Amino acid sequence: MPGIDTHRPMAEPHGKTDEGFPKSDRILKRETFRRTYDGGRKYQAKYFTAFVIPNQQETSRLGITVTRKTGKSVDRNRSRRLVREVFRKNKWRVPPGVDIVINVKTALSSAGYDDLEGDFVEFLMRAK
């Protein structure tokens, strides 16, 4: 169409909440995973096991581990995507200043988003 620049991105509406998942919200280093496993509190849920430990930052961070026992790479990647999405959408419920490591269970490969989200919210209520 003449007069419309289709190559420029449209501006985001005002008041939109930040639901991104930047690197600052991720646990990436092995030593941080080890510290969380060794000193963190363990919580069992239907679709995952979570380890939680306070960190020295203002934000909460998430680490995800999925073993090959969970299934083929398609299943493992889907599980990671689901966990990231649930964390991203429910970040406002997570207390600030904690590291959370999620170990995915095999049952997650056949679960839906709503099932995992309910399990995650229940875990957060117990972890407070």
C-alpha atoms as a PDB file:
ATOM      1  CA  MET A   1       0.000   0.000   0.000  1.00  0.00           C
ATOM      2  CA  PRO A   2       1.318   3.422  -0.753  1.00  0.00           C
ATOM      3  CA  GLY A   3       2.178   5.553   2.243  1.00  0.00           C
ATOM      4  CA  ILE A   4       2.569   2.693   4.741  1.00  0.00           C
ATOM      5  CA  ASP A   5       6.041   1.574   5.721  1.00  0.00           C
ATOM      6  CA  THR A   6       5.716  -2.183   6.198  1.00  0.00           C
ATOM      7  CA  HIS A   7       9.370  -2.618   7.123  1.00  0.00           C
ATOM      8  CA  ARG A   8       9.210  -0.636  10.371  1.00  0.00           C
ATOM      9  CA  PRO A   9       7.921  -2.502  13.422  1.00  0.00           C
ATOM     10  CA  MET A  10       4.769  -1.193  15.017  1.00  0.00           C
ATOM     11  CA  ALA A  11       5.046   0.401  18.459  1.00  0.00           C
ATOM     12  CA  GLU A  12       3.942  -1.666  21.432  1.00  0.00           C
ATOM     13  CA  PRO A  13       0.845  -0.473  23.269  1.00  0.00           C
ATOM     14  CA  HIS A  14       1.429   1.452  26.478  1.00  0.00           C
ATOM     15  CA  GLY A  15       1.080  -0.449  29.746  1.00  0.00           C
ATOM     16  CA  LYS A  16       2.177  -3.794  28.366  1.00  0.00           C
ATOM     17  CA  THR A  17       3.855  -5.903  31.041  1.00  0.00           C
ATOM     18  CA  ASP A  18       7.320  -7.296  30.555  1.00  0.00           C
ATOM     19  CA  GLU A  19       6.896 -11.004  29.864  1.00  0.00           C
ATOM     20  CA  GLY A  20      10.212 -11.615  28.158  1.00  0.00           C
ATOM     21  CA  PHE A  21      12.809 -14.184  29.118  1.00  0.00           C
ATOM     22  CA  PRO A  22      16.172 -12.402  28.832  1.00  0.00           C
ATOM     23  CA  LYS A  23      19.504 -14.005  29.687  1.00  0.00           C
ATOM     24  CA  SER A  24      19.455 -12.250  33.057  1.00  0.00           C
ATOM     25  CA  ASP A  25      16.466 -14.469  33.992  1.00  0.00           C
ATOM     26  CA  ARG A  26      18.262 -17.709  33.087  1.00  0.00           C
ATOM     27  CA  ILE A  27      20.641 -19.947  34.970  1.00  0.00           C
ATOM     28  CA  LEU A  28      23.350 -20.844  32.483  1.00  0.00           C
ATOM     29  CA  LYS A  29      26.428 -21.901  34.453  1.00  0.00           C
ATOM     30  CA  ARG A  30      27.080 -25.374  35.813  1.00  0.00           C
ATOM     31  CA  GLU A  31      28.328 -23.978  39.129  1.00  0.00           C
ATOM     32  CA  THR A  32      25.008 -22.202  39.694  1.00  0.00           C
ATOM     33  CA  PHE A  33      23.101 -25.414  38.954  1.00  0.00           C
ATOM     34  CA  ARG A  34      25.372 -27.313  41.400  1.00  0.00           C
ATOM     35  CA  ARG A  35      24.926 -24.655  44.109  1.00  0.00           C
ATOM     36  CA  THR A  36      21.153 -24.847  43.703  1.00  0.00           C
ATOM     37  CA  TYR A  37      21.113 -28.655  43.872  1.00  0.00           C
ATOM     38  CA  ASP A  38      23.431 -28.796  46.877  1.00  0.00           C
ATOM     39  CA  GLY A  39      22.031 -25.962  48.987  1.00  0.00           C
ATOM     40  CA  GLY A  40      18.502 -25.495  47.691  1.00  0.00           C
ATOM     41  CA  ARG A  41      15.186 -26.726  48.950  1.00  0.00           C
ATOM     42  CA  LYS A  42      13.640 -29.565  46.946  1.00  0.00           C
ATOM     43  CA  TYR A  43       9.975 -29.640  45.889  1.00  0.00           C
ATOM     44  CA  GLN A  44       8.234 -32.527  44.129  1.00  0.00           C
ATOM     45  CA  ALA A  45       5.445 -31.839  41.647  1.00  0.00           C
ATOM     46  CA  LYS A  46       3.591 -34.041  39.196  1.00  0.00           C
ATOM     47  CA  TYR A  47       5.526 -32.904  36.119  1.00  0.00           C
ATOM     48  CA  PHE A  48       8.844 -31.745  37.592  1.00  0.00           C
ATOM     49  CA  THR A  49      11.163 -31.590  40.578  1.00  0.00           C
ATOM     50  CA  ALA A  50      12.180 -28.068  41.586  1.00  0.00           C
ATOM     51  CA  PHE A  51      15.155 -26.845  43.587  1.00  0.00           C
ATOM     52  CA  VAL A  52      14.928 -23.334  45.033  1.00  0.00           C
ATOM     53  CA  ILE A  53      17.658 -21.256  46.654  1.00  0.00           C
ATOM     54  CA  PRO A  54      17.944 -17.499  47.368  1.00  0.00           C
ATOM     55  CA  ASN A  55      20.309 -15.576  45.096  1.00  0.00           C
ATOM     56  CA  GLN A  56      22.061 -12.229  45.524  1.00  0.00           C
ATOM     57  CA  GLN A  57      20.099 -10.510  42.744  1.00  0.00           C
ATOM     58  CA  GLU A  58      16.868  -8.567  42.504  1.00  0.00           C
ATOM     59  CA  THR A  59      15.354 -10.890  39.903  1.00  0.00           C
ATOM     60  CA  SER A  60      14.471 -14.548  39.937  1.00  0.00           C
ATOM     61  CA  ARG A  61      16.232 -16.921  37.566  1.00  0.00           C
ATOM     62  CA  LEU A  62      15.222 -20.225  36.012  1.00  0.00           C
ATOM     63  CA  GLY A  63      17.303 -23.227  34.980  1.00  0.00           C
ATOM     64  CA  ILE A  64      15.846 -26.239  33.178  1.00  0.00           C
ATOM     65  CA  THR A  65      17.255 -29.754  32.892  1.00  0.00           C
ATOM     66  CA  VAL A  66      15.739 -32.494  30.763  1.00  0.00           C
ATOM     67  CA  THR A  67      17.410 -35.901  30.607  1.00  0.00           C
ATOM     68  CA  ARG A  68      17.345 -38.296  27.666  1.00  0.00           C
ATOM     69  CA  LYS A  69      15.091 -40.570  29.720  1.00  0.00           C
ATOM     70  CA  THR A  70      12.348 -38.030  29.028  1.00  0.00           C
ATOM     71  CA  GLY A  71      12.213 -38.973  25.364  1.00  0.00           C
ATOM     72  CA  LYS A  72      13.533 -38.009  21.982  1.00  0.00           C
ATOM     73  CA  SER A  73      14.847 -34.522  21.278  1.00  0.00           C
ATOM     74  CA  VAL A  74      11.434 -33.353  20.059  1.00  0.00           C
ATOM     75  CA  ASP A  75       9.902 -34.249  23.434  1.00  0.00           C
ATOM     76  CA  ARG A  76      12.790 -32.743  25.408  1.00  0.00           C
ATOM     77  CA  ASN A  77      12.658 -29.464  23.477  1.00  0.00           C
ATOM     78  CA  ARG A  78       8.871 -29.263  23.836  1.00  0.00           C
ATOM     79  CA  SER A  79       9.243 -29.776  27.588  1.00  0.00           C
ATOM     80  CA  ARG A  80      11.802 -26.954  27.787  1.00  0.00           C
ATOM     81  CA  ARG A  81       9.565 -24.628  25.790  1.00  0.00           C
ATOM     82  CA  LEU A  82       6.577 -25.374  28.017  1.00  0.00           C
ATOM     83  CA  VAL A  83       8.511 -24.751  31.230  1.00  0.00           C
ATOM     84  CA  ARG A  84       9.974 -21.493  29.868  1.00  0.00           C
ATOM     85  CA  GLU A  85       6.538 -20.303  28.787  1.00  0.00           C
ATOM     86  CA  VAL A  86       4.932 -21.127  32.146  1.00  0.00           C
ATOM     87  CA  PHE A  87       7.731 -19.302  33.971  1.00  0.00           C
ATOM     88  CA  ARG A  88       7.518 -16.331  31.612  1.00  0.00           C
ATOM     89  CA  LYS A  89       3.740 -15.970  31.949  1.00  0.00           C
ATOM     90  CA  ASN A  90       3.791 -16.433  35.742  1.00  0.00           C
ATOM     91  CA  LYS A  91       6.953 -14.470  36.526  1.00  0.00           C
ATOM     92  CA  TRP A  92       4.905 -12.014  38.572  1.00  0.00           C
ATOM     93  CA  ARG A  93       4.034 -14.850  41.018  1.00  0.00           C
ATOM     94  CA  VAL A  94       7.645 -15.915  41.546  1.00  0.00           C
ATOM     95  CA  PRO A  95       9.215 -14.281  44.613  1.00  0.00           C
ATOM     96  CA  PRO A  96      12.125 -11.995  43.677  1.00  0.00           C
ATOM     97  CA  GLY A  97      15.679 -13.020  44.427  1.00  0.00           C
ATOM     98  CA  VAL A  98      15.508 -16.792  44.014  1.00  0.00           C
ATOM     99  CA  ASP A  99      17.106 -19.307  41.677  1.00  0.00           C
ATOM    100  CA  ILE A 100      14.824 -22.128  40.535  1.00  0.00           C
ATOM    101  CA  VAL A 101      16.095 -25.245  38.782  1.00  0.00           C
ATOM    102  CA  ILE A 102      13.406 -27.421  37.216  1.00  0.00           C
ATOM    103  CA  ASN A 103      14.156 -31.091  36.500  1.00  0.00           C
ATOM    104  CA  VAL A 104      11.503 -32.246  34.054  1.00  0.00           C
ATOM    105  CA  LYS A 105       9.796 -35.608  34.628  1.00  0.00           C
ATOM    106  CA  THR A 106       8.755 -37.967  31.838  1.00  0.00           C
ATOM    107  CA  ALA A 107       5.058 -37.255  32.461  1.00  0.00           C
ATOM    108  CA  LEU A 108       5.462 -33.732  31.075  1.00  0.00           C
ATOM    109  CA  SER A 109       5.949 -35.017  27.521  1.00  0.00           C
ATOM    110  CA  SER A 110       2.254 -35.978  27.381  1.00  0.00           C
ATOM    111  CA  ALA A 111       0.931 -33.005  29.394  1.00  0.00           C
ATOM    112  CA  GLY A 112      -0.569 -29.796  28.104  1.00  0.00           C
ATOM    113  CA  TYR A 113       0.227 -26.201  28.956  1.00  0.00           C
ATOM    114  CA  ASP A 114      -2.711 -25.823  31.367  1.00  0.00           C
ATOM    115  CA  ASP A 115      -1.694 -28.952  33.294  1.00  0.00           C
ATOM    116  CA  LEU A 116       1.867 -27.723  33.711  1.00  0.00           C
ATOM    117  CA  GLU A 117       0.772 -24.205  34.626  1.00  0.00           C
ATOM    118  CA  GLY A 118      -1.505 -25.529  37.376  1.00  0.00           C
ATOM    119  CA  ASP A 119       1.327 -27.687  38.711  1.00  0.00           C
ATOM    120  CA  PHE A 120       3.748 -24.729  38.611  1.00  0.00           C
ATOM    121  CA  VAL A 121       1.362 -22.364  40.427  1.00  0.00           C
ATOM    122  CA  GLU A 122       0.739 -25.021  43.083  1.00  0.00           C
ATOM    123  CA  PHE A 123       4.501 -25.426  43.506  1.00  0.00           C
ATOM    124  CA  LEU A 124       4.915 -21.656  43.942  1.00  0.00           C
ATOM    125  CA  MET A 125       2.252 -21.615  46.654  1.00  0.00           C
ATOM    126  CA  ARG A 126       4.106 -24.349  48.582  1.00  0.00           C
ATOM    127  CA  ALA A 127       7.480 -22.678  48.076  1.00  0.00           C
ATOM    128  CA  LYS A 128       6.480 -19.355  49.653  1.00  0.00           C
END
